[in-house]
């Protein structure tokens, strides 16, 4: 198993793999924000304001570079020579394995003033890369839904993700990481939203309050 487990630990590792790639952009000095959202259907999105995965044609693979990064294991080495680096994450597998272990995945790239989109199912491209509009700034948006036929649970634990993201924010000065949970609807337990930044100390910029987004 690429991520080591099909239990809750492996489920959360999917998020870590995508977030680690965004953190690499922060380490390169080209990203300052990462937004993570847990949705009601068990899917997750990770959005950053880094450079955006390249969308030009890959010379060797004869496909868009973003498709190479999303579908070919250990493709990170193909983006060397000072160019965009694709993180291998904790286990050295990265985005392509998250893609393979997801029933559906969508990647959107903001680059060169344009917004591009490509879609996958279980690691295979279903909708080729296409330009879907204009975009301000740069960055990468990843949305994925873990495969219910693979994982024993699809229930992401807020506390587990929040702890890991807080640690990453603490280790990377100037990086803001936001975690939002769309699953919470009960008025007695407002929707969880917390922003973690590293300043003089690692503290939530919104304290420990939890607010519902209307």
N, C-alpha and C. Protein backbone atom coordinates (compact mmCIF):
# COMPACT_ATOMS: atom_id res chain seq x y z
N UNK A 1 0.85 -1.19 0.00
CA UNK A 1 0.00 0.00 0.00
C UNK A 1 0.89 1.24 0.00
N UNK A 2 0.73 2.11 -0.96
CA UNK A 2 1.60 3.27 -1.11
C UNK A 2 1.64 4.17 0.12
N UNK A 3 0.52 4.34 0.81
CA UNK A 3 0.48 5.25 1.94
C UNK A 3 0.56 4.51 3.27
N UNK A 4 0.78 3.21 3.23
CA UNK A 4 1.03 2.45 4.44
C UNK A 4 -0.17 1.88 5.14
N UNK A 5 -1.38 2.37 4.86
CA UNK A 5 -2.55 1.91 5.57
C UNK A 5 -3.82 2.31 4.84
N UNK A 6 -4.87 1.49 5.01
CA UNK A 6 -6.18 1.87 4.47
C UNK A 6 -7.12 2.30 5.60
N UNK A 7 -6.56 2.47 6.78
CA UNK A 7 -7.33 2.90 7.94
C UNK A 7 -7.39 4.42 7.98
N UNK A 8 -7.81 4.95 9.11
CA UNK A 8 -7.90 6.40 9.28
C UNK A 8 -6.54 7.06 9.08
N UNK A 9 -5.47 6.39 9.50
CA UNK A 9 -4.13 6.95 9.34
C UNK A 9 -3.80 7.16 7.86
N UNK A 10 -4.12 6.19 7.04
CA UNK A 10 -3.87 6.32 5.61
C UNK A 10 -4.76 7.37 4.97
N UNK A 11 -5.98 7.47 5.45
CA UNK A 11 -6.92 8.47 4.92
C UNK A 11 -6.35 9.87 5.12
N UNK A 12 -5.87 10.16 6.31
CA UNK A 12 -5.32 11.48 6.58
C UNK A 12 -4.02 11.73 5.82
N UNK A 13 -3.30 10.65 5.53
CA UNK A 13 -2.05 10.80 4.78
C UNK A 13 -2.30 11.39 3.39
N UNK A 14 -3.47 11.13 2.83
CA UNK A 14 -3.81 11.72 1.52
C UNK A 14 -3.76 13.24 1.59
N UNK A 15 -4.32 13.80 2.66
CA UNK A 15 -4.32 15.25 2.83
C UNK A 15 -2.89 15.75 3.01
N UNK A 16 -2.12 15.03 3.82
CA UNK A 16 -0.75 15.46 4.09
C UNK A 16 0.08 15.51 2.80
N UNK A 17 -0.12 14.55 1.92
CA UNK A 17 0.66 14.50 0.68
C UNK A 17 0.41 15.75 -0.17
N UNK A 18 -0.85 16.16 -0.25
CA UNK A 18 -1.18 17.34 -1.06
C UNK A 18 -0.70 18.61 -0.37
N UNK A 19 -0.92 18.69 0.94
CA UNK A 19 -0.49 19.87 1.69
C UNK A 19 1.03 20.02 1.64
N UNK A 20 1.76 18.90 1.72
CA UNK A 20 3.23 18.97 1.69
C UNK A 20 3.72 19.60 0.39
N UNK A 21 3.02 19.33 -0.70
CA UNK A 21 3.42 19.94 -1.97
C UNK A 21 3.23 21.45 -1.93
N UNK A 22 2.14 21.89 -1.30
CA UNK A 22 1.90 23.32 -1.16
C UNK A 22 2.92 23.95 -0.23
N UNK A 23 3.30 23.24 0.83
CA UNK A 23 4.31 23.75 1.76
C UNK A 23 5.65 23.91 1.06
N UNK A 24 5.96 23.02 0.14
CA UNK A 24 7.20 23.15 -0.63
C UNK A 24 7.25 24.46 -1.39
N UNK A 25 6.09 24.90 -1.87
CA UNK A 25 6.03 26.19 -2.55
C UNK A 25 6.32 27.33 -1.57
N UNK A 26 5.85 27.18 -0.34
CA UNK A 26 6.15 28.17 0.69
C UNK A 26 7.64 28.17 1.01
N UNK A 27 8.24 26.99 1.09
CA UNK A 27 9.67 26.89 1.36
C UNK A 27 10.49 27.53 0.24
N UNK A 28 9.95 27.50 -0.97
CA UNK A 28 10.64 28.12 -2.11
C UNK A 28 10.41 29.62 -2.15
N UNK A 29 9.61 30.13 -1.21
CA UNK A 29 9.37 31.56 -1.13
C UNK A 29 8.34 32.09 -2.10
N UNK A 30 7.48 31.20 -2.62
CA UNK A 30 6.51 31.63 -3.63
C UNK A 30 5.05 31.38 -3.21
N UNK A 31 4.82 30.98 -1.96
CA UNK A 31 3.46 30.77 -1.46
C UNK A 31 3.38 31.25 -0.02
N UNK A 32 2.24 31.83 0.34
CA UNK A 32 2.03 32.32 1.70
C UNK A 32 0.74 31.80 2.32
N UNK A 33 -0.12 31.18 1.50
CA UNK A 33 -1.42 30.75 2.01
C UNK A 33 -1.78 29.35 1.50
N UNK A 34 -2.33 28.55 2.42
CA UNK A 34 -2.85 27.23 2.07
C UNK A 34 -4.22 27.11 2.74
N UNK A 35 -5.23 26.81 1.97
CA UNK A 35 -6.59 26.65 2.50
C UNK A 35 -7.04 25.21 2.33
N UNK A 36 -7.43 24.57 3.42
CA UNK A 36 -7.89 23.18 3.40
C UNK A 36 -9.35 23.15 3.83
N UNK A 37 -10.18 22.45 3.05
CA UNK A 37 -11.61 22.37 3.36
C UNK A 37 -12.04 20.90 3.36
N UNK A 38 -12.78 20.50 4.40
CA UNK A 38 -13.40 19.17 4.46
C UNK A 38 -14.87 19.36 4.10
N UNK A 39 -15.36 18.63 3.09
CA UNK A 39 -16.74 18.80 2.62
C UNK A 39 -17.67 17.73 3.18
N UNK A 40 -18.95 17.98 3.05
CA UNK A 40 -19.97 17.08 3.59
C UNK A 40 -19.92 15.68 2.98
N UNK A 41 -19.51 15.59 1.71
CA UNK A 41 -19.51 14.29 1.03
C UNK A 41 -18.23 13.50 1.31
N UNK A 42 -17.38 13.99 2.21
CA UNK A 42 -16.16 13.27 2.54
C UNK A 42 -14.98 13.64 1.67
N UNK A 43 -15.17 14.60 0.78
CA UNK A 43 -14.07 15.05 -0.08
C UNK A 43 -13.30 16.17 0.62
N UNK A 44 -12.13 16.48 0.08
CA UNK A 44 -11.26 17.51 0.66
C UNK A 44 -10.68 18.34 -0.48
N UNK A 45 -10.47 19.63 -0.22
CA UNK A 45 -9.75 20.46 -1.19
C UNK A 45 -8.58 21.15 -0.50
N UNK A 46 -7.52 21.35 -1.27
CA UNK A 46 -6.34 22.07 -0.80
C UNK A 46 -6.00 23.11 -1.85
N UNK A 47 -5.99 24.37 -1.45
CA UNK A 47 -5.73 25.46 -2.39
C UNK A 47 -4.54 26.27 -1.90
N UNK A 48 -3.58 26.56 -2.79
CA UNK A 48 -2.44 27.38 -2.40
C UNK A 48 -2.23 28.51 -3.39
N UNK A 49 -1.43 29.48 -3.01
CA UNK A 49 -1.13 30.60 -3.89
C UNK A 49 0.32 30.56 -4.36
N UNK A 50 0.79 29.35 -4.63
CA UNK A 50 2.14 29.17 -5.18
C UNK A 50 2.18 29.48 -6.67
N UNK A 51 3.15 28.89 -7.36
CA UNK A 51 3.32 29.18 -8.78
C UNK A 51 2.31 28.50 -9.68
N UNK A 52 1.69 27.43 -9.19
CA UNK A 52 0.80 26.65 -10.04
C UNK A 52 1.61 25.60 -10.77
N UNK A 53 1.10 24.37 -10.79
CA UNK A 53 1.81 23.30 -11.50
C UNK A 53 1.89 23.65 -12.99
N UNK A 54 3.03 23.47 -13.63
CA UNK A 54 3.16 23.80 -15.06
C UNK A 54 2.12 23.08 -15.91
N UNK A 55 1.64 23.77 -16.93
CA UNK A 55 0.61 23.19 -17.81
C UNK A 55 1.13 23.00 -19.24
N UNK A 56 2.37 23.39 -19.48
CA UNK A 56 2.91 23.23 -20.83
C UNK A 56 3.19 21.75 -21.11
N UNK A 57 3.40 21.43 -22.39
CA UNK A 57 3.59 20.04 -22.79
C UNK A 57 4.94 19.52 -22.31
N UNK A 58 4.91 18.35 -21.67
CA UNK A 58 6.14 17.72 -21.20
C UNK A 58 6.82 17.04 -22.39
N UNK A 59 8.08 17.37 -22.61
CA UNK A 59 8.79 16.89 -23.80
C UNK A 59 8.88 15.37 -23.84
N UNK A 60 9.23 14.74 -22.74
CA UNK A 60 9.43 13.30 -22.72
C UNK A 60 8.12 12.52 -22.74
N UNK A 61 7.16 12.97 -21.93
CA UNK A 61 5.93 12.20 -21.76
C UNK A 61 4.84 12.54 -22.79
N UNK A 62 5.03 13.62 -23.53
CA UNK A 62 4.07 14.02 -24.57
C UNK A 62 2.68 14.26 -24.01
N UNK A 63 2.62 14.86 -22.83
CA UNK A 63 1.35 15.24 -22.21
C UNK A 63 1.61 16.47 -21.35
N UNK A 64 0.56 17.20 -20.97
CA UNK A 64 0.77 18.38 -20.13
C UNK A 64 1.52 18.02 -18.85
N UNK A 65 2.40 18.92 -18.41
CA UNK A 65 3.21 18.64 -17.23
C UNK A 65 2.36 18.35 -16.00
N UNK A 66 1.23 19.03 -15.87
CA UNK A 66 0.38 18.78 -14.72
C UNK A 66 -0.18 17.36 -14.75
N UNK A 67 -0.46 16.84 -15.93
CA UNK A 67 -0.95 15.48 -16.05
C UNK A 67 0.14 14.48 -15.68
N UNK A 68 1.38 14.80 -16.03
CA UNK A 68 2.51 13.96 -15.64
C UNK A 68 2.60 13.89 -14.12
N UNK A 69 2.52 15.06 -13.48
CA UNK A 69 2.63 15.12 -12.02
C UNK A 69 1.51 14.36 -11.33
N UNK A 70 0.33 14.33 -11.95
CA UNK A 70 -0.84 13.73 -11.31
C UNK A 70 -1.01 12.25 -11.62
N UNK A 71 -0.33 11.74 -12.62
CA UNK A 71 -0.59 10.35 -13.03
C UNK A 71 0.63 9.44 -13.06
N UNK A 72 1.83 9.99 -12.95
CA UNK A 72 3.03 9.16 -13.03
C UNK A 72 3.76 9.17 -11.68
N UNK A 73 3.93 7.99 -11.10
CA UNK A 73 4.56 7.84 -9.80
C UNK A 73 5.99 8.37 -9.83
N UNK A 74 6.36 9.11 -8.78
CA UNK A 74 7.71 9.69 -8.63
C UNK A 74 8.05 10.62 -9.79
N UNK A 75 7.07 11.36 -10.27
CA UNK A 75 7.30 12.28 -11.38
C UNK A 75 8.06 13.52 -10.96
N UNK A 76 8.26 13.71 -9.65
CA UNK A 76 8.90 14.93 -9.17
C UNK A 76 10.25 15.18 -9.80
N UNK A 77 10.99 14.11 -10.08
CA UNK A 77 12.32 14.28 -10.66
C UNK A 77 12.29 14.84 -12.06
N UNK A 78 11.14 14.83 -12.69
CA UNK A 78 11.03 15.33 -14.06
C UNK A 78 10.90 16.85 -14.11
N UNK A 79 10.85 17.49 -12.93
CA UNK A 79 10.68 18.93 -12.89
C UNK A 79 11.89 19.60 -12.23
N UNK A 80 13.06 19.10 -12.48
CA UNK A 80 14.27 19.60 -11.85
C UNK A 80 14.83 20.83 -12.54
N UNK A 81 16.15 21.00 -12.41
CA UNK A 81 16.89 22.11 -13.03
C UNK A 81 16.32 23.47 -12.64
N UNK A 82 15.97 23.59 -11.35
CA UNK A 82 15.52 24.89 -10.85
C UNK A 82 14.07 25.21 -11.15
N UNK A 83 13.37 24.29 -11.82
CA UNK A 83 11.97 24.54 -12.14
C UNK A 83 11.05 24.11 -11.03
N UNK A 84 9.78 23.95 -11.35
CA UNK A 84 8.77 23.56 -10.35
C UNK A 84 9.11 22.18 -9.81
N UNK A 85 9.10 22.05 -8.48
CA UNK A 85 9.38 20.77 -7.84
C UNK A 85 8.07 20.17 -7.34
N UNK A 86 7.83 18.92 -7.63
CA UNK A 86 6.65 18.23 -7.13
C UNK A 86 7.07 17.40 -5.93
N UNK A 87 6.49 17.70 -4.78
CA UNK A 87 6.89 17.02 -3.55
C UNK A 87 6.49 15.56 -3.55
N UNK A 88 7.32 14.76 -2.92
CA UNK A 88 6.97 13.36 -2.71
C UNK A 88 6.21 13.16 -1.43
N UNK A 89 6.08 14.22 -0.64
CA UNK A 89 5.37 14.09 0.63
C UNK A 89 6.13 13.20 1.59
N UNK A 90 5.46 12.79 2.66
CA UNK A 90 6.10 12.02 3.71
C UNK A 90 6.64 10.68 3.22
N UNK A 91 5.91 10.01 2.36
CA UNK A 91 6.32 8.69 1.89
C UNK A 91 6.92 8.72 0.49
N UNK A 92 7.15 9.89 -0.05
CA UNK A 92 7.78 9.98 -1.36
C UNK A 92 6.87 9.59 -2.51
N UNK A 93 5.57 9.68 -2.31
CA UNK A 93 4.65 9.26 -3.37
C UNK A 93 3.87 10.44 -3.96
N UNK A 94 3.44 11.37 -3.10
CA UNK A 94 2.85 12.60 -3.58
C UNK A 94 1.50 12.50 -4.26
N UNK A 95 1.26 13.45 -5.17
CA UNK A 95 -0.05 13.68 -5.74
C UNK A 95 -0.55 12.53 -6.60
N UNK A 96 0.34 11.86 -7.30
CA UNK A 96 -0.11 10.80 -8.21
C UNK A 96 -0.76 9.64 -7.45
N UNK A 97 -0.28 9.35 -6.26
CA UNK A 97 -0.86 8.27 -5.47
C UNK A 97 -2.17 8.71 -4.82
N UNK A 98 -2.24 9.95 -4.39
CA UNK A 98 -3.51 10.48 -3.90
C UNK A 98 -4.56 10.36 -5.00
N UNK A 99 -4.17 10.68 -6.21
CA UNK A 99 -5.05 10.57 -7.36
C UNK A 99 -5.50 9.13 -7.57
N UNK A 100 -4.56 8.19 -7.51
CA UNK A 100 -4.87 6.78 -7.74
C UNK A 100 -5.80 6.22 -6.67
N UNK A 101 -5.74 6.77 -5.47
CA UNK A 101 -6.55 6.27 -4.36
C UNK A 101 -7.83 7.07 -4.15
N UNK A 102 -8.16 7.91 -5.12
CA UNK A 102 -9.38 8.73 -5.05
C UNK A 102 -10.34 8.32 -6.16
N UNK A 103 -11.62 8.22 -5.82
CA UNK A 103 -12.62 7.88 -6.83
C UNK A 103 -12.77 9.01 -7.84
N UNK A 104 -12.58 10.25 -7.37
CA UNK A 104 -12.63 11.42 -8.24
C UNK A 104 -11.60 12.43 -7.76
N UNK A 105 -10.99 13.12 -8.71
CA UNK A 105 -10.04 14.19 -8.34
C UNK A 105 -10.05 15.25 -9.43
N UNK A 106 -10.01 16.48 -9.02
CA UNK A 106 -9.98 17.62 -9.94
C UNK A 106 -8.80 18.51 -9.57
N UNK A 107 -8.03 18.90 -10.57
CA UNK A 107 -6.91 19.81 -10.37
C UNK A 107 -7.15 21.06 -11.19
N UNK A 108 -7.05 22.22 -10.55
CA UNK A 108 -7.16 23.49 -11.24
C UNK A 108 -5.88 24.29 -11.00
N UNK A 109 -5.40 24.89 -12.04
CA UNK A 109 -4.14 25.64 -11.97
C UNK A 109 -4.37 27.07 -12.43
N UNK A 110 -3.93 28.01 -11.63
CA UNK A 110 -3.94 29.43 -12.00
C UNK A 110 -2.52 29.79 -12.40
N UNK A 111 -2.36 30.12 -13.67
CA UNK A 111 -1.01 30.36 -14.19
C UNK A 111 -1.09 31.19 -15.47
N UNK A 112 -0.18 32.14 -15.61
CA UNK A 112 -0.11 32.97 -16.82
C UNK A 112 -1.43 33.68 -17.11
N UNK A 113 -2.17 34.03 -16.06
CA UNK A 113 -3.42 34.76 -16.23
C UNK A 113 -4.60 33.90 -16.62
N UNK A 114 -4.40 32.58 -16.68
CA UNK A 114 -5.47 31.67 -17.08
C UNK A 114 -5.79 30.66 -15.98
N UNK A 115 -7.00 30.11 -16.04
CA UNK A 115 -7.42 29.05 -15.13
C UNK A 115 -7.59 27.77 -15.94
N UNK A 116 -6.85 26.73 -15.56
CA UNK A 116 -6.87 25.45 -16.25
C UNK A 116 -7.48 24.39 -15.34
N UNK A 117 -8.08 23.37 -15.96
CA UNK A 117 -8.70 22.30 -15.19
C UNK A 117 -8.47 20.96 -15.86
N UNK A 118 -8.24 19.94 -15.03
CA UNK A 118 -8.11 18.56 -15.52
C UNK A 118 -8.75 17.65 -14.48
N UNK A 119 -9.44 16.59 -14.92
CA UNK A 119 -10.17 15.72 -13.99
C UNK A 119 -9.72 14.27 -14.15
N UNK A 120 -9.84 13.53 -13.03
CA UNK A 120 -9.39 12.14 -12.99
C UNK A 120 -10.38 11.28 -12.22
N UNK A 121 -10.31 9.97 -12.47
CA UNK A 121 -11.01 8.98 -11.67
C UNK A 121 -10.06 7.82 -11.45
N UNK A 122 -9.80 7.55 -10.16
CA UNK A 122 -8.89 6.46 -9.77
C UNK A 122 -7.56 6.51 -10.52
N UNK A 123 -7.03 7.71 -10.66
CA UNK A 123 -5.71 7.89 -11.25
C UNK A 123 -5.67 8.02 -12.75
N UNK A 124 -6.80 7.85 -13.41
CA UNK A 124 -6.85 7.95 -14.87
C UNK A 124 -7.51 9.26 -15.29
N UNK A 125 -6.97 9.87 -16.32
CA UNK A 125 -7.52 11.13 -16.80
C UNK A 125 -8.87 10.91 -17.48
N UNK A 126 -9.88 11.64 -17.03
CA UNK A 126 -11.22 11.52 -17.61
C UNK A 126 -11.59 12.76 -18.43
N UNK A 127 -11.11 13.91 -18.00
CA UNK A 127 -11.32 15.16 -18.75
C UNK A 127 -9.95 15.80 -18.95
N UNK A 128 -9.47 15.84 -20.19
CA UNK A 128 -8.13 16.39 -20.46
C UNK A 128 -8.00 17.84 -20.02
N UNK A 129 -6.78 18.27 -19.86
CA UNK A 129 -6.51 19.64 -19.45
C UNK A 129 -7.13 20.62 -20.45
N UNK A 130 -7.82 21.61 -19.91
CA UNK A 130 -8.40 22.65 -20.76
C UNK A 130 -8.42 23.97 -20.01
N UNK A 131 -8.41 25.05 -20.74
CA UNK A 131 -8.51 26.38 -20.16
C UNK A 131 -9.98 26.69 -19.97
N UNK A 132 -10.36 27.03 -18.73
CA UNK A 132 -11.77 27.26 -18.44
C UNK A 132 -12.09 28.72 -18.11
N UNK A 133 -11.07 29.57 -18.15
CA UNK A 133 -11.32 30.98 -17.89
C UNK A 133 -10.07 31.74 -17.56
N UNK A 134 -10.25 32.96 -17.10
CA UNK A 134 -9.13 33.81 -16.69
C UNK A 134 -8.97 33.71 -15.18
N UNK A 135 -7.78 34.04 -14.70
CA UNK A 135 -7.51 33.95 -13.27
C UNK A 135 -6.53 35.03 -12.85
N UNK A 136 -6.75 35.53 -11.66
CA UNK A 136 -5.80 36.48 -11.08
C UNK A 136 -4.82 35.71 -10.20
N UNK A 137 -3.57 36.08 -10.25
CA UNK A 137 -2.57 35.42 -9.42
C UNK A 137 -2.24 34.03 -9.92
N UNK A 138 -1.55 33.29 -9.09
CA UNK A 138 -1.13 31.93 -9.44
C UNK A 138 -1.44 30.99 -8.28
N UNK A 139 -1.42 29.70 -8.57
CA UNK A 139 -1.63 28.72 -7.52
C UNK A 139 -2.24 27.44 -8.05
N UNK A 140 -2.42 26.49 -7.14
CA UNK A 140 -2.98 25.18 -7.48
C UNK A 140 -4.11 24.83 -6.52
N UNK A 141 -5.22 24.33 -7.08
CA UNK A 141 -6.36 23.87 -6.30
C UNK A 141 -6.53 22.38 -6.56
N UNK A 142 -6.52 21.59 -5.48
CA UNK A 142 -6.69 20.15 -5.60
C UNK A 142 -7.93 19.73 -4.82
N UNK A 143 -8.86 19.06 -5.49
CA UNK A 143 -10.04 18.50 -4.83
C UNK A 143 -10.04 17.00 -5.07
N UNK A 144 -10.24 16.24 -4.01
CA UNK A 144 -10.27 14.77 -4.18
C UNK A 144 -11.25 14.13 -3.22
N UNK A 145 -11.78 12.99 -3.66
CA UNK A 145 -12.69 12.20 -2.83
C UNK A 145 -12.09 10.80 -2.68
N UNK A 146 -11.64 10.44 -1.49
CA UNK A 146 -11.02 9.13 -1.29
C UNK A 146 -11.94 7.99 -1.73
N UNK A 147 -11.34 6.94 -2.25
CA UNK A 147 -12.09 5.80 -2.79
C UNK A 147 -12.66 4.95 -1.65
N UNK A 148 -13.99 4.86 -1.60
CA UNK A 148 -14.66 4.08 -0.55
C UNK A 148 -14.39 2.59 -0.68
N UNK A 149 -13.96 2.14 -1.86
CA UNK A 149 -13.65 0.73 -2.05
C UNK A 149 -12.27 0.38 -1.51
N UNK A 150 -11.50 1.38 -1.15
CA UNK A 150 -10.14 1.16 -0.65
C UNK A 150 -10.02 1.42 0.83
N UNK A 151 -10.59 2.53 1.29
CA UNK A 151 -10.40 2.93 2.68
C UNK A 151 -11.48 2.38 3.60
N UNK A 152 -11.07 2.03 4.80
CA UNK A 152 -11.99 1.46 5.79
C UNK A 152 -12.94 2.53 6.34
N UNK A 153 -12.50 3.77 6.32
CA UNK A 153 -13.31 4.89 6.78
C UNK A 153 -13.04 6.10 5.90
N UNK A 154 -14.05 6.94 5.74
CA UNK A 154 -13.90 8.18 4.98
C UNK A 154 -14.16 9.38 5.89
N UNK A 155 -14.10 9.14 7.19
CA UNK A 155 -14.40 10.18 8.17
C UNK A 155 -13.12 10.87 8.63
N UNK A 156 -12.86 12.04 8.09
CA UNK A 156 -11.67 12.80 8.49
C UNK A 156 -11.87 13.36 9.89
N UNK A 157 -10.84 13.26 10.72
CA UNK A 157 -10.89 13.76 12.09
C UNK A 157 -10.34 15.18 12.14
N UNK A 158 -11.20 16.11 12.56
CA UNK A 158 -10.80 17.52 12.64
C UNK A 158 -9.53 17.69 13.47
N UNK A 159 -9.50 17.10 14.67
CA UNK A 159 -8.38 17.30 15.57
C UNK A 159 -7.06 16.78 14.98
N UNK A 160 -7.14 15.69 14.26
CA UNK A 160 -5.93 15.11 13.64
C UNK A 160 -5.36 16.05 12.59
N UNK A 161 -6.23 16.54 11.72
CA UNK A 161 -5.77 17.45 10.67
C UNK A 161 -5.31 18.78 11.24
N UNK A 162 -6.07 19.29 12.20
CA UNK A 162 -5.71 20.59 12.77
C UNK A 162 -4.35 20.53 13.46
N UNK A 163 -4.05 19.45 14.14
CA UNK A 163 -2.77 19.30 14.82
C UNK A 163 -1.62 19.31 13.82
N UNK A 164 -1.77 18.55 12.73
CA UNK A 164 -0.71 18.48 11.73
C UNK A 164 -0.51 19.84 11.03
N UNK A 165 -1.61 20.50 10.68
CA UNK A 165 -1.50 21.77 9.99
C UNK A 165 -0.92 22.85 10.89
N UNK A 166 -1.26 22.80 12.17
CA UNK A 166 -0.70 23.76 13.12
C UNK A 166 0.81 23.57 13.22
N UNK A 167 1.26 22.33 13.23
CA UNK A 167 2.70 22.05 13.30
C UNK A 167 3.41 22.60 12.06
N UNK A 168 2.80 22.41 10.89
CA UNK A 168 3.41 22.91 9.65
C UNK A 168 3.49 24.44 9.66
N UNK A 169 2.45 25.09 10.16
CA UNK A 169 2.47 26.55 10.22
C UNK A 169 3.55 27.04 11.17
N UNK A 170 3.72 26.32 12.26
CA UNK A 170 4.75 26.71 13.24
C UNK A 170 6.14 26.61 12.63
N UNK A 171 6.36 25.61 11.79
CA UNK A 171 7.69 25.38 11.22
C UNK A 171 8.00 26.27 10.02
N UNK A 172 7.00 26.95 9.50
CA UNK A 172 7.21 27.75 8.28
C UNK A 172 6.74 29.18 8.51
N UNK A 173 7.68 30.04 8.85
CA UNK A 173 7.37 31.43 9.16
C UNK A 173 6.70 32.11 7.97
N UNK A 174 5.64 32.86 8.25
CA UNK A 174 4.96 33.63 7.21
C UNK A 174 3.92 32.84 6.44
N UNK A 175 3.75 31.56 6.77
CA UNK A 175 2.76 30.73 6.07
C UNK A 175 1.46 30.69 6.86
N UNK A 176 0.36 31.00 6.20
CA UNK A 176 -0.96 30.92 6.82
C UNK A 176 -1.68 29.69 6.30
N UNK A 177 -2.15 28.84 7.20
CA UNK A 177 -2.89 27.64 6.83
C UNK A 177 -4.27 27.72 7.46
N UNK A 178 -5.30 27.61 6.63
CA UNK A 178 -6.68 27.66 7.11
C UNK A 178 -7.33 26.30 6.92
N UNK A 179 -8.01 25.82 7.96
CA UNK A 179 -8.75 24.56 7.90
C UNK A 179 -10.22 24.86 8.17
N UNK A 180 -11.10 24.42 7.27
CA UNK A 180 -12.53 24.64 7.44
C UNK A 180 -13.27 23.32 7.29
N UNK A 181 -14.27 23.11 8.14
CA UNK A 181 -15.05 21.87 8.12
C UNK A 181 -16.48 22.20 7.71
N UNK A 182 -16.88 21.75 6.51
CA UNK A 182 -18.23 22.02 6.00
C UNK A 182 -19.25 20.99 6.47
N UNK A 183 -18.81 19.98 7.21
CA UNK A 183 -19.72 18.91 7.62
C UNK A 183 -20.59 19.30 8.80
N UNK A 184 -20.17 20.29 9.57
CA UNK A 184 -20.85 20.63 10.80
C UNK A 184 -22.00 21.59 10.54
N UNK A 185 -23.21 21.17 10.87
CA UNK A 185 -24.39 21.99 10.60
C UNK A 185 -25.19 22.32 11.85
N UNK A 186 -25.03 21.52 12.90
CA UNK A 186 -25.82 21.71 14.12
C UNK A 186 -25.54 23.08 14.73
N UNK A 187 -26.59 23.82 15.04
CA UNK A 187 -26.42 25.15 15.62
C UNK A 187 -25.72 25.11 16.97
N UNK A 188 -25.79 23.97 17.66
CA UNK A 188 -25.15 23.85 18.95
C UNK A 188 -23.65 23.60 18.81
N UNK A 189 -23.22 23.29 17.58
CA UNK A 189 -21.79 23.03 17.36
C UNK A 189 -21.38 23.70 16.06
N UNK A 190 -21.10 25.01 16.12
CA UNK A 190 -20.86 25.80 14.92
C UNK A 190 -19.77 25.21 14.02
N UNK A 191 -19.86 25.55 12.79
CA UNK A 191 -18.89 25.08 11.80
C UNK A 191 -17.48 25.48 12.21
N UNK A 192 -16.57 24.54 12.13
CA UNK A 192 -15.22 24.80 12.59
C UNK A 192 -14.40 25.48 11.50
N UNK A 193 -13.81 26.57 11.88
CA UNK A 193 -12.91 27.28 10.97
C UNK A 193 -11.79 27.85 11.82
N UNK A 194 -10.57 27.54 11.47
CA UNK A 194 -9.46 28.01 12.25
C UNK A 194 -8.30 28.34 11.33
N UNK A 195 -7.64 29.46 11.58
CA UNK A 195 -6.49 29.86 10.79
C UNK A 195 -5.25 29.76 11.65
N UNK A 196 -4.23 29.11 11.13
CA UNK A 196 -3.00 28.92 11.87
C UNK A 196 -1.87 29.63 11.16
N UNK A 197 -1.18 30.51 11.88
CA UNK A 197 -0.05 31.22 11.30
C UNK A 197 1.16 31.11 12.20
N UNK A 198 2.33 31.40 11.65
CA UNK A 198 3.49 31.48 12.50
C UNK A 198 3.95 32.93 12.56
N UNK A 199 3.91 33.48 13.75
CA UNK A 199 4.41 34.83 13.97
C UNK A 199 5.49 34.70 15.04
N UNK A 200 5.40 35.50 16.11
CA UNK A 200 6.35 35.36 17.20
C UNK A 200 6.19 34.00 17.87
N UNK A 201 4.98 33.53 17.89
CA UNK A 201 4.71 32.19 18.42
C UNK A 201 3.63 31.57 17.56
N UNK A 202 3.47 30.28 17.68
CA UNK A 202 2.45 29.61 16.87
C UNK A 202 1.10 29.74 17.58
N UNK A 203 0.25 30.57 17.08
CA UNK A 203 -1.06 30.73 17.67
C UNK A 203 -2.08 30.94 16.57
N UNK A 204 -3.31 30.59 16.85
CA UNK A 204 -4.38 30.78 15.87
C UNK A 204 -4.69 32.26 15.76
N UNK A 205 -4.74 32.75 14.53
CA UNK A 205 -5.04 34.17 14.34
C UNK A 205 -6.47 34.50 14.73
N UNK A 206 -7.31 33.46 14.82
CA UNK A 206 -8.70 33.67 15.22
C UNK A 206 -8.95 33.09 16.61
N UNK A 207 -7.86 32.84 17.34
CA UNK A 207 -8.01 32.26 18.67
C UNK A 207 -8.52 30.84 18.59
N UNK A 208 -9.27 30.42 19.58
CA UNK A 208 -9.80 29.06 19.58
C UNK A 208 -11.29 29.05 19.29
N UNK A 209 -11.79 30.16 18.79
CA UNK A 209 -13.23 30.24 18.52
C UNK A 209 -13.59 29.45 17.28
N UNK A 210 -14.80 29.01 17.20
CA UNK A 210 -15.31 28.28 16.05
C UNK A 210 -16.56 29.00 15.57
N UNK A 211 -16.58 29.36 14.31
CA UNK A 211 -17.71 30.13 13.81
C UNK A 211 -18.37 29.44 12.63
N UNK A 212 -19.64 29.60 12.54
CA UNK A 212 -20.39 29.04 11.42
C UNK A 212 -20.40 30.03 10.27
N UNK A 213 -20.15 29.53 9.08
CA UNK A 213 -20.22 30.39 7.88
C UNK A 213 -21.62 30.29 7.31
N UNK A 214 -22.28 31.42 7.25
CA UNK A 214 -23.67 31.44 6.73
C UNK A 214 -23.65 31.69 5.24
